[in-house]
């Protein structure tokens, strides 16, 4: 894995075992960020039955937000995280009213086409403004050494922040009035309206929240790896895989699915070329769709 680097081996056998374990741990750390990204996708689906194809573009927006907040405004990388959450939320509400509001309740094809068109607009604008050149956000953070392997501090910090944000999302959904309104609208929109819940405002809030999660996951990913305007596609596909693993509309399952996907990447990368990893992930995707259509982690649904 990219996040851990070996020191000189103390013995061949022990070094090999330690290397595999280190790769698995590193995969799990990155998997927590995958889970956070997928939580935004599955939250939007669970509340309004919309498959958000702007998800990858929102992840990229989080990446570039971090880049410009750190290079342009001089904010520390992790100090920019709350800002990207706020910006992502506002932008998500704007996208809801532009591209999603009018297709709520219509066929899934309508929402797919609408969000896909918005995705193409965002990618086109990004390519025109920033080209497809790679960008990088250097984050000076010391790592942790174990058994001759050093885990980079950025991987550890990204995983910790992903878990903290996931915990805050849980508190929002289950301990606040707006969270109860979101869950009510997700369960039965008509009944929620009859009980005086402003469903349109709740839907826009939920979409903004989902985009904020995608954006902050992009911010965390940008502290780990270089990125381009087109980087969102790969992470969007991973988010779909994670969403299927966790079960559609299940944020808790999405987090578990992300960790599981990271674990799979950590297990496979020591034994085969990295180019094979996406193939394995999509085989898993089809396997889960056929045998576990509700998701492997559907039991985590609240």
C-alpha atoms as a PDB file:
ATOM      1  CA  UNK A   1       0.000   0.000   0.000  1.00  0.00           C
ATOM      2  CA  UNK A   2       1.050   3.595  -0.583  1.00  0.00           C
ATOM      3  CA  UNK A   3       0.623   4.623   3.024  1.00  0.00           C
ATOM      4  CA  UNK A   4       3.262   2.430   4.653  1.00  0.00           C
ATOM      5  CA  UNK A   5       6.933   2.046   3.836  1.00  0.00           C
ATOM      6  CA  UNK A   6       9.249  -0.717   4.992  1.00  0.00           C
ATOM      7  CA  UNK A   7      12.449  -0.321   6.937  1.00  0.00           C
ATOM      8  CA  UNK A   8      15.215  -2.912   6.552  1.00  0.00           C
ATOM      9  CA  UNK A   9      13.817  -6.389   7.375  1.00  0.00           C
ATOM     10  CA  UNK A  10      14.638  -8.111  10.625  1.00  0.00           C
ATOM     11  CA  UNK A  11      13.922 -11.568   9.126  1.00  0.00           C
ATOM     12  CA  UNK A  12      12.451 -12.640   5.806  1.00  0.00           C
ATOM     13  CA  UNK A  13       9.444 -14.555   7.162  1.00  0.00           C
ATOM     14  CA  UNK A  14       8.556 -12.092   9.869  1.00  0.00           C
ATOM     15  CA  UNK A  15       9.023  -9.213   7.458  1.00  0.00           C
ATOM     16  CA  UNK A  16       6.602 -10.785   4.968  1.00  0.00           C
ATOM     17  CA  UNK A  17       3.913 -11.356   7.598  1.00  0.00           C
ATOM     18  CA  UNK A  18       4.410  -7.884   9.049  1.00  0.00           C
ATOM     19  CA  UNK A  19       4.203  -6.410   5.545  1.00  0.00           C
ATOM     20  CA  UNK A  20       0.866  -8.109   4.868  1.00  0.00           C
ATOM     21  CA  UNK A  21      -0.533  -6.972   8.208  1.00  0.00           C
ATOM     22  CA  UNK A  22       0.734  -3.450   7.582  1.00  0.00           C
ATOM     23  CA  UNK A  23      -0.894  -3.406   4.151  1.00  0.00           C
ATOM     24  CA  UNK A  24      -4.191  -4.582   5.645  1.00  0.00           C
ATOM     25  CA  UNK A  25      -4.112  -1.926   8.367  1.00  0.00           C
ATOM     26  CA  UNK A  26      -3.328   0.758   5.835  1.00  0.00           C
ATOM     27  CA  UNK A  27      -6.184  -0.454   3.637  1.00  0.00           C
ATOM     28  CA  UNK A  28      -8.603  -0.257   6.543  1.00  0.00           C
ATOM     29  CA  UNK A  29      -7.496   3.310   7.299  1.00  0.00           C
ATOM     30  CA  UNK A  30      -8.161   4.376   3.705  1.00  0.00           C
ATOM     31  CA  UNK A  31     -11.371   2.331   3.726  1.00  0.00           C
ATOM     32  CA  UNK A  32     -12.795   4.551   6.473  1.00  0.00           C
ATOM     33  CA  UNK A  33     -12.551   7.472   4.049  1.00  0.00           C
ATOM     34  CA  UNK A  34     -14.227   5.385   1.322  1.00  0.00           C
ATOM     35  CA  UNK A  35     -17.028   4.733   3.784  1.00  0.00           C
ATOM     36  CA  UNK A  36     -17.438   8.433   4.506  1.00  0.00           C
ATOM     37  CA  UNK A  37     -17.706   9.168   0.784  1.00  0.00           C
ATOM     38  CA  UNK A  38     -20.323   6.445   0.325  1.00  0.00           C
ATOM     39  CA  UNK A  39     -22.341   7.746   3.276  1.00  0.00           C
ATOM     40  CA  UNK A  40     -23.128  10.865   1.267  1.00  0.00           C
ATOM     41  CA  UNK A  41     -24.278   8.803  -1.702  1.00  0.00           C
ATOM     42  CA  UNK A  42     -26.412   6.410   0.317  1.00  0.00           C
ATOM     43  CA  UNK A  43     -27.937   9.172   2.452  1.00  0.00           C
ATOM     44  CA  UNK A  44     -29.296  10.928  -0.647  1.00  0.00           C
ATOM     45  CA  UNK A  45     -30.670   7.656  -1.988  1.00  0.00           C
ATOM     46  CA  UNK A  46     -32.242   6.701   1.332  1.00  0.00           C
ATOM     47  CA  UNK A  47     -34.028  10.020   1.768  1.00  0.00           C
ATOM     48  CA  UNK A  48     -35.185  10.832  -1.770  1.00  0.00           C
ATOM     49  CA  UNK A  49     -34.544   7.738  -3.934  1.00  0.00           C
ATOM     50  CA  UNK A  50     -32.166   9.693  -6.160  1.00  0.00           C
ATOM     51  CA  UNK A  51     -28.954   8.169  -7.508  1.00  0.00           C
ATOM     52  CA  UNK A  52     -26.633  11.168  -7.424  1.00  0.00           C
ATOM     53  CA  UNK A  53     -24.321  10.970 -10.421  1.00  0.00           C
ATOM     54  CA  UNK A  54     -22.680  14.258  -9.439  1.00  0.00           C
ATOM     55  CA  UNK A  55     -21.086  12.395  -6.530  1.00  0.00           C
ATOM     56  CA  UNK A  56     -17.648  12.084  -8.145  1.00  0.00           C
ATOM     57  CA  UNK A  57     -17.637  15.758  -9.123  1.00  0.00           C
ATOM     58  CA  UNK A  58     -18.495  16.693  -5.532  1.00  0.00           C
ATOM     59  CA  UNK A  59     -15.558  14.653  -4.285  1.00  0.00           C
ATOM     60  CA  UNK A  60     -13.294  16.533  -6.699  1.00  0.00           C
ATOM     61  CA  UNK A  61     -14.703  19.853  -5.510  1.00  0.00           C
ATOM     62  CA  UNK A  62     -13.646  18.891  -2.000  1.00  0.00           C
ATOM     63  CA  UNK A  63     -10.163  18.139  -3.292  1.00  0.00           C
ATOM     64  CA  UNK A  64      -9.787  21.480  -5.040  1.00  0.00           C
ATOM     65  CA  UNK A  65     -11.374  23.327  -2.133  1.00  0.00           C
ATOM     66  CA  UNK A  66      -8.599  21.997   0.077  1.00  0.00           C
ATOM     67  CA  UNK A  67      -5.971  22.955  -2.490  1.00  0.00           C
ATOM     68  CA  UNK A  68      -7.121  26.576  -2.783  1.00  0.00           C
ATOM     69  CA  UNK A  69      -7.877  27.016   0.903  1.00  0.00           C
ATOM     70  CA  UNK A  70      -4.353  25.908   1.788  1.00  0.00           C
ATOM     71  CA  UNK A  71      -2.402  27.525  -1.062  1.00  0.00           C
ATOM     72  CA  UNK A  72      -4.555  30.636  -1.514  1.00  0.00           C
ATOM     73  CA  UNK A  73      -5.749  31.452   2.007  1.00  0.00           C
ATOM     74  CA  UNK A  74      -2.999  29.729   3.934  1.00  0.00           C
ATOM     75  CA  UNK A  75      -5.307  27.582   6.044  1.00  0.00           C
ATOM     76  CA  UNK A  76      -3.788  24.453   7.601  1.00  0.00           C
ATOM     77  CA  UNK A  77      -4.966  21.313   5.760  1.00  0.00           C
ATOM     78  CA  UNK A  78      -7.058  19.927   8.603  1.00  0.00           C
ATOM     79  CA  UNK A  79      -8.255  23.387   9.579  1.00  0.00           C
ATOM     80  CA  UNK A  80      -9.836  23.566   6.118  1.00  0.00           C
ATOM     81  CA  UNK A  81     -12.040  20.525   6.813  1.00  0.00           C
ATOM     82  CA  UNK A  82     -14.897  22.431   8.529  1.00  0.00           C
ATOM     83  CA  UNK A  83     -14.796  25.016   5.752  1.00  0.00           C
ATOM     84  CA  UNK A  84     -15.130  22.376   3.038  1.00  0.00           C
ATOM     85  CA  UNK A  85     -18.067  20.829   4.894  1.00  0.00           C
ATOM     86  CA  UNK A  86     -19.837  24.193   4.956  1.00  0.00           C
ATOM     87  CA  UNK A  87     -19.037  24.977   1.331  1.00  0.00           C
ATOM     88  CA  UNK A  88     -20.122  21.497   0.262  1.00  0.00           C
ATOM     89  CA  UNK A  89     -23.436  21.863   2.066  1.00  0.00           C
ATOM     90  CA  UNK A  90     -24.208  25.229   0.475  1.00  0.00           C
ATOM     91  CA  UNK A  91     -23.227  23.987  -2.978  1.00  0.00           C
ATOM     92  CA  UNK A  92     -25.290  20.829  -2.478  1.00  0.00           C
ATOM     93  CA  UNK A  93     -28.413  22.824  -1.619  1.00  0.00           C
ATOM     94  CA  UNK A  94     -27.829  24.916  -4.753  1.00  0.00           C
ATOM     95  CA  UNK A  95     -27.486  21.806  -6.931  1.00  0.00           C
ATOM     96  CA  UNK A  96     -30.654  20.371  -5.381  1.00  0.00           C
ATOM     97  CA  UNK A  97     -32.735  23.350  -6.470  1.00  0.00           C
ATOM     98  CA  UNK A  98     -31.131  23.474  -9.915  1.00  0.00           C
ATOM     99  CA  UNK A  99     -31.049  19.810 -10.923  1.00  0.00           C
ATOM    100  CA  UNK A 100     -32.907  17.612  -8.439  1.00  0.00           C
ATOM    101  CA  UNK A 101     -36.001  19.305  -7.029  1.00  0.00           C
ATOM    102  CA  UNK A 102     -38.075  19.041 -10.196  1.00  0.00           C
ATOM    103  CA  UNK A 103     -37.351  15.336 -10.698  1.00  0.00           C
ATOM    104  CA  UNK A 104     -38.167  14.186  -7.150  1.00  0.00           C
ATOM    105  CA  UNK A 105     -40.890  11.543  -7.320  1.00  0.00           C
ATOM    106  CA  UNK A 106     -40.440  10.924 -11.046  1.00  0.00           C
ATOM    107  CA  UNK A 107     -38.784   7.924 -12.663  1.00  0.00           C
ATOM    108  CA  UNK A 108     -35.209   7.056 -11.691  1.00  0.00           C
ATOM    109  CA  UNK A 109     -34.168   7.747 -15.292  1.00  0.00           C
ATOM    110  CA  UNK A 110     -35.109  11.406 -14.869  1.00  0.00           C
ATOM    111  CA  UNK A 111     -32.926  11.862 -11.795  1.00  0.00           C
ATOM    112  CA  UNK A 112     -30.101   9.921 -13.438  1.00  0.00           C
ATOM    113  CA  UNK A 113     -30.167  12.131 -16.527  1.00  0.00           C
ATOM    114  CA  UNK A 114     -30.472  15.322 -14.502  1.00  0.00           C
ATOM    115  CA  UNK A 115     -27.579  14.582 -12.141  1.00  0.00           C
ATOM    116  CA  UNK A 116     -25.500  13.157 -15.004  1.00  0.00           C
ATOM    117  CA  UNK A 117     -25.962  16.390 -16.970  1.00  0.00           C
ATOM    118  CA  UNK A 118     -24.920  18.434 -13.938  1.00  0.00           C
ATOM    119  CA  UNK A 119     -21.920  16.157 -13.510  1.00  0.00           C
ATOM    120  CA  UNK A 120     -20.842  16.784 -17.099  1.00  0.00           C
ATOM    121  CA  UNK A 121     -21.200  20.539 -16.618  1.00  0.00           C
ATOM    122  CA  UNK A 122     -19.036  20.476 -13.494  1.00  0.00           C
ATOM    123  CA  UNK A 123     -16.361  18.285 -15.103  1.00  0.00           C
ATOM    124  CA  UNK A 124     -16.333  20.490 -18.204  1.00  0.00           C
ATOM    125  CA  UNK A 125     -15.943  23.641 -16.132  1.00  0.00           C
ATOM    126  CA  UNK A 126     -13.240  22.046 -14.035  1.00  0.00           C
ATOM    127  CA  UNK A 127     -11.314  20.879 -17.071  1.00  0.00           C
ATOM    128  CA  UNK A 128     -11.542  24.320 -18.687  1.00  0.00           C
ATOM    129  CA  UNK A 129     -10.354  26.072 -15.525  1.00  0.00           C
ATOM    130  CA  UNK A 130      -7.746  23.669 -14.184  1.00  0.00           C
ATOM    131  CA  UNK A 131      -6.974  21.313 -17.127  1.00  0.00           C
ATOM    132  CA  UNK A 132      -6.324  17.693 -16.217  1.00  0.00           C
ATOM    133  CA  UNK A 133      -2.924  18.312 -14.662  1.00  0.00           C
ATOM    134  CA  UNK A 134      -2.267  16.605 -11.316  1.00  0.00           C
ATOM    135  CA  UNK A 135      -2.405  18.608  -8.106  1.00  0.00           C
ATOM    136  CA  UNK A 136      -0.989  17.785  -4.720  1.00  0.00           C
ATOM    137  CA  UNK A 137      -1.465  19.115  -1.189  1.00  0.00           C
ATOM    138  CA  UNK A 138       1.624  18.429   0.953  1.00  0.00           C
ATOM    139  CA  UNK A 139       0.694  17.654   4.554  1.00  0.00           C
ATOM    140  CA  UNK A 140       3.656  17.530   6.953  1.00  0.00           C
ATOM    141  CA  UNK A 141       2.598  14.969   9.518  1.00  0.00           C
ATOM    142  CA  UNK A 142       4.805  12.386  11.163  1.00  0.00           C
ATOM    143  CA  UNK A 143       3.830   8.721  11.009  1.00  0.00           C
ATOM    144  CA  UNK A 144       3.773   5.727  13.336  1.00  0.00           C
ATOM    145  CA  UNK A 145       6.338   2.914  13.057  1.00  0.00           C
ATOM    146  CA  UNK A 146       5.406  -0.702  13.741  1.00  0.00           C
ATOM    147  CA  UNK A 147       7.420  -3.858  12.995  1.00  0.00           C
ATOM    148  CA  UNK A 148       9.713  -1.963  10.669  1.00  0.00           C
ATOM    149  CA  UNK A 149       6.826  -0.306   8.785  1.00  0.00           C
ATOM    150  CA  UNK A 150       5.942   3.356   9.000  1.00  0.00           C
ATOM    151  CA  UNK A 151       2.292   4.309   8.606  1.00  0.00           C
ATOM    152  CA  UNK A 152       1.949   7.828   7.333  1.00  0.00           C
ATOM    153  CA  UNK A 153       0.264  10.249   9.665  1.00  0.00           C
ATOM    154  CA  UNK A 154      -2.071  11.459   6.934  1.00  0.00           C
ATOM    155  CA  UNK A 155      -3.672   8.012   6.622  1.00  0.00           C
ATOM    156  CA  UNK A 156      -4.192   7.796  10.365  1.00  0.00           C
ATOM    157  CA  UNK A 157      -5.563  11.333  10.633  1.00  0.00           C
ATOM    158  CA  UNK A 158      -7.889  10.852   7.637  1.00  0.00           C
ATOM    159  CA  UNK A 159      -9.346   7.685   9.178  1.00  0.00           C
ATOM    160  CA  UNK A 160      -9.805   9.363  12.568  1.00  0.00           C
ATOM    161  CA  UNK A 161     -11.538  12.376  11.035  1.00  0.00           C
ATOM    162  CA  UNK A 162     -13.743  10.122   8.893  1.00  0.00           C
ATOM    163  CA  UNK A 163     -14.893   8.249  12.002  1.00  0.00           C
ATOM    164  CA  UNK A 164     -15.470  11.504  13.908  1.00  0.00           C
ATOM    165  CA  UNK A 165     -17.558  12.948  11.071  1.00  0.00           C
ATOM    166  CA  UNK A 166     -19.515   9.687  10.807  1.00  0.00           C
ATOM    167  CA  UNK A 167     -20.191   9.876  14.541  1.00  0.00           C
ATOM    168  CA  UNK A 168     -21.394  13.471  14.210  1.00  0.00           C
ATOM    169  CA  UNK A 169     -23.692  12.391  11.367  1.00  0.00           C
ATOM    170  CA  UNK A 170     -25.177   9.715  13.625  1.00  0.00           C
ATOM    171  CA  UNK A 171     -25.832  12.295  16.344  1.00  0.00           C
ATOM    172  CA  UNK A 172     -27.410  14.628  13.792  1.00  0.00           C
ATOM    173  CA  UNK A 173     -29.729  11.949  12.427  1.00  0.00           C
ATOM    174  CA  UNK A 174     -30.753  10.394  15.740  1.00  0.00           C
ATOM    175  CA  UNK A 175     -30.381  13.132  18.358  1.00  0.00           C
ATOM    176  CA  UNK A 176     -31.651  16.290  16.671  1.00  0.00           C
ATOM    177  CA  UNK A 177     -34.987  17.562  15.445  1.00  0.00           C
ATOM    178  CA  UNK A 178     -33.819  17.968  11.855  1.00  0.00           C
ATOM    179  CA  UNK A 179     -32.439  14.429  11.943  1.00  0.00           C
ATOM    180  CA  UNK A 180     -35.804  13.062  13.034  1.00  0.00           C
ATOM    181  CA  UNK A 181     -37.427  15.040  10.225  1.00  0.00           C
ATOM    182  CA  UNK A 182     -34.988  13.568   7.689  1.00  0.00           C
ATOM    183  CA  UNK A 183     -35.754  10.038   8.866  1.00  0.00           C
ATOM    184  CA  UNK A 184     -39.491  10.740   8.803  1.00  0.00           C
ATOM    185  CA  UNK A 185     -39.330  11.997   5.219  1.00  0.00           C
ATOM    186  CA  UNK A 186     -37.220   8.987   4.248  1.00  0.00           C
ATOM    187  CA  UNK A 187     -39.784   6.609   5.753  1.00  0.00           C
ATOM    188  CA  UNK A 188     -42.914   8.226   4.313  1.00  0.00           C
ATOM    189  CA  UNK A 189     -42.880  11.645   2.702  1.00  0.00           C
ATOM    190  CA  UNK A 190     -46.675  11.986   2.494  1.00  0.00           C
ATOM    191  CA  UNK A 191     -47.157  11.113   6.161  1.00  0.00           C
ATOM    192  CA  UNK A 192     -44.394  13.551   7.104  1.00  0.00           C
ATOM    193  CA  UNK A 193     -46.179  16.341   5.230  1.00  0.00           C
ATOM    194  CA  UNK A 194     -49.441  15.523   7.005  1.00  0.00           C
ATOM    195  CA  UNK A 195     -47.587  15.924  10.301  1.00  0.00           C
ATOM    196  CA  UNK A 196     -46.426  19.406   9.390  1.00  0.00           C
ATOM    197  CA  UNK A 197     -42.850  18.617   8.324  1.00  0.00           C
ATOM    198  CA  UNK A 198     -41.664  20.937   5.511  1.00  0.00           C
ATOM    199  CA  UNK A 199     -40.531  18.093   3.286  1.00  0.00           C
ATOM    200  CA  UNK A 200     -39.091  20.222   0.492  1.00  0.00           C
ATOM    201  CA  UNK A 201     -36.770  22.032   2.872  1.00  0.00           C
ATOM    202  CA  UNK A 202     -35.832  18.743   4.509  1.00  0.00           C
ATOM    203  CA  UNK A 203     -34.995  17.213   1.126  1.00  0.00           C
ATOM    204  CA  UNK A 204     -32.773  20.137   0.189  1.00  0.00           C
ATOM    205  CA  UNK A 205     -31.060  19.919   3.579  1.00  0.00           C
ATOM    206  CA  UNK A 206     -30.493  16.171   3.164  1.00  0.00           C
ATOM    207  CA  UNK A 207     -29.061  16.631  -0.329  1.00  0.00           C
ATOM    208  CA  UNK A 208     -26.767  19.373   0.927  1.00  0.00           C
ATOM    209  CA  UNK A 209     -25.667  17.099   3.744  1.00  0.00           C
ATOM    210  CA  UNK A 210     -24.910  14.270   1.321  1.00  0.00           C
ATOM    211  CA  UNK A 211     -22.840  16.578  -0.876  1.00  0.00           C
ATOM    212  CA  UNK A 212     -21.021  17.911   2.183  1.00  0.00           C
ATOM    213  CA  UNK A 213     -20.029  14.345   3.078  1.00  0.00           C
ATOM    214  CA  UNK A 214     -18.788  13.746  -0.475  1.00  0.00           C
ATOM    215  CA  UNK A 215     -16.860  17.016  -0.415  1.00  0.00           C
ATOM    216  CA  UNK A 216     -15.159  16.411   2.916  1.00  0.00           C
ATOM    217  CA  UNK A 217     -14.228  12.890   1.838  1.00  0.00           C
ATOM    218  CA  UNK A 218     -12.573  14.458  -1.215  1.00  0.00           C
ATOM    219  CA  UNK A 219     -10.731  16.814   1.110  1.00  0.00           C
ATOM    220  CA  UNK A 220      -9.416  13.902   3.146  1.00  0.00           C
ATOM    221  CA  UNK A 221      -8.474  11.936   0.018  1.00  0.00           C
ATOM    222  CA  UNK A 222      -6.538  14.981  -1.234  1.00  0.00           C
ATOM    223  CA  UNK A 223      -4.344  14.780   1.878  1.00  0.00           C
ATOM    224  CA  UNK A 224      -3.467  11.197   0.900  1.00  0.00           C
ATOM    225  CA  UNK A 225      -2.973  11.114  -2.880  1.00  0.00           C
ATOM    226  CA  UNK A 226      -2.432  13.446  -5.840  1.00  0.00           C
ATOM    227  CA  UNK A 227      -5.597  14.280  -7.791  1.00  0.00           C
ATOM    228  CA  UNK A 228      -6.908  15.755 -11.018  1.00  0.00           C
ATOM    229  CA  UNK A 229     -10.239  17.091 -12.225  1.00  0.00           C
ATOM    230  CA  UNK A 230     -11.055  13.555 -13.409  1.00  0.00           C
ATOM    231  CA  UNK A 231     -10.181  11.781 -10.153  1.00  0.00           C
ATOM    232  CA  UNK A 232     -13.773  11.733  -8.948  1.00  0.00           C
ATOM    233  CA  UNK A 233     -14.826   8.964 -11.318  1.00  0.00           C
ATOM    234  CA  UNK A 234     -12.726   6.303  -9.611  1.00  0.00           C
ATOM    235  CA  UNK A 235     -13.907   7.289  -6.139  1.00  0.00           C
ATOM    236  CA  UNK A 236     -17.510   7.497  -7.303  1.00  0.00           C
ATOM    237  CA  UNK A 237     -17.279   3.896  -8.513  1.00  0.00           C
ATOM    238  CA  UNK A 238     -15.791   2.859  -5.181  1.00  0.00           C
ATOM    239  CA  UNK A 239     -18.670   4.643  -3.449  1.00  0.00           C
ATOM    240  CA  UNK A 240     -21.200   2.641  -5.461  1.00  0.00           C
ATOM    241  CA  UNK A 241     -19.439  -0.599  -4.523  1.00  0.00           C
ATOM    242  CA  UNK A 242     -19.391   0.423  -0.864  1.00  0.00           C
ATOM    243  CA  UNK A 243     -23.060   1.435  -1.025  1.00  0.00           C
ATOM    244  CA  UNK A 244     -24.006  -1.973  -2.386  1.00  0.00           C
ATOM    245  CA  UNK A 245     -21.934  -3.691   0.304  1.00  0.00           C
ATOM    246  CA  UNK A 246     -23.607  -1.673   3.041  1.00  0.00           C
ATOM    247  CA  UNK A 247     -27.117  -1.666   1.606  1.00  0.00           C
ATOM    248  CA  UNK A 248     -28.815   1.212  -0.203  1.00  0.00           C
ATOM    249  CA  UNK A 249     -29.949   3.961   2.142  1.00  0.00           C
ATOM    250  CA  UNK A 250     -27.893   2.637   5.066  1.00  0.00           C
ATOM    251  CA  UNK A 251     -25.212   5.134   6.253  1.00  0.00           C
ATOM    252  CA  UNK A 252     -23.926   2.856   9.029  1.00  0.00           C
ATOM    253  CA  UNK A 253     -23.599   0.000   6.560  1.00  0.00           C
ATOM    254  CA  UNK A 254     -21.785   2.319   4.133  1.00  0.00           C
ATOM    255  CA  UNK A 255     -19.099   3.007   6.718  1.00  0.00           C
ATOM    256  CA  UNK A 256     -18.693  -0.710   7.361  1.00  0.00           C
ATOM    257  CA  UNK A 257     -18.670  -1.385   3.633  1.00  0.00           C
ATOM    258  CA  UNK A 258     -15.931   1.201   3.125  1.00  0.00           C
ATOM    259  CA  UNK A 259     -13.758  -0.433   5.765  1.00  0.00           C
ATOM    260  CA  UNK A 260     -14.443  -3.817   4.134  1.00  0.00           C
ATOM    261  CA  UNK A 261     -13.415  -2.489   0.710  1.00  0.00           C
ATOM    262  CA  UNK A 262     -10.229  -1.035   2.177  1.00  0.00           C
ATOM    263  CA  UNK A 263      -9.551  -4.374   3.849  1.00  0.00           C
ATOM    264  CA  UNK A 264      -9.941  -6.153   0.508  1.00  0.00           C
ATOM    265  CA  UNK A 265      -7.524  -3.733  -1.129  1.00  0.00           C
ATOM    266  CA  UNK A 266      -5.068  -4.232   1.729  1.00  0.00           C
ATOM    267  CA  UNK A 267      -5.244  -8.017   1.430  1.00  0.00           C
ATOM    268  CA  UNK A 268      -4.879  -8.167  -2.351  1.00  0.00           C
ATOM    269  CA  UNK A 269      -2.215  -5.558  -3.091  1.00  0.00           C
ATOM    270  CA  UNK A 270       0.712  -7.527  -1.572  1.00  0.00           C
ATOM    271  CA  UNK A 271      -0.030 -10.488  -3.871  1.00  0.00           C
ATOM    272  CA  UNK A 272      -0.948  -9.001  -7.240  1.00  0.00           C
ATOM    273  CA  UNK A 273      -0.478  -5.893  -9.397  1.00  0.00           C
ATOM    274  CA  UNK A 274      -2.519  -2.869  -8.351  1.00  0.00           C
ATOM    275  CA  UNK A 275      -4.201  -2.885 -11.773  1.00  0.00           C
ATOM    276  CA  UNK A 276      -6.056  -6.046 -10.760  1.00  0.00           C
ATOM    277  CA  UNK A 277      -7.658  -4.465  -7.694  1.00  0.00           C
ATOM    278  CA  UNK A 278     -10.533  -2.694  -9.577  1.00  0.00           C
ATOM    279  CA  UNK A 279     -11.357  -5.984 -11.323  1.00  0.00           C
ATOM    280  CA  UNK A 280     -11.660  -7.761  -7.993  1.00  0.00           C
ATOM    281  CA  UNK A 281     -13.786  -4.935  -6.621  1.00  0.00           C
ATOM    282  CA  UNK A 282     -16.252  -5.095  -9.511  1.00  0.00           C
ATOM    283  CA  UNK A 283     -16.456  -8.882  -9.336  1.00  0.00           C
ATOM    284  CA  UNK A 284     -17.350  -8.393  -5.674  1.00  0.00           C
ATOM    285  CA  UNK A 285     -19.886  -5.746  -6.724  1.00  0.00           C
ATOM    286  CA  UNK A 286     -21.701  -8.173  -9.046  1.00  0.00           C
ATOM    287  CA  UNK A 287     -21.419 -11.006  -6.514  1.00  0.00           C
ATOM    288  CA  UNK A 288     -23.076  -8.941  -3.779  1.00  0.00           C
ATOM    289  CA  UNK A 289     -25.815  -7.667  -6.112  1.00  0.00           C
ATOM    290  CA  UNK A 290     -26.739 -11.240  -7.037  1.00  0.00           C
ATOM    291  CA  UNK A 291     -26.469 -12.970  -3.661  1.00  0.00           C
ATOM    292  CA  UNK A 292     -27.056 -10.113  -1.186  1.00  0.00           C
ATOM    293  CA  UNK A 293     -29.258  -7.521  -2.942  1.00  0.00           C
ATOM    294  CA  UNK A 294     -29.994  -5.784   0.381  1.00  0.00           C
ATOM    295  CA  UNK A 295     -26.296  -5.529   1.190  1.00  0.00           C
ATOM    296  CA  UNK A 296     -23.944  -7.604   3.300  1.00  0.00           C
ATOM    297  CA  UNK A 297     -24.169  -5.106   6.155  1.00  0.00           C
ATOM    298  CA  UNK A 298     -27.937  -4.614   6.009  1.00  0.00           C
ATOM    299  CA  UNK A 299     -28.109  -5.726   9.644  1.00  0.00           C
ATOM    300  CA  UNK A 300     -26.491  -2.404  10.598  1.00  0.00           C
ATOM    301  CA  UNK A 301     -29.551  -0.507   9.364  1.00  0.00           C
ATOM    302  CA  UNK A 302     -31.232   1.426  12.150  1.00  0.00           C
END
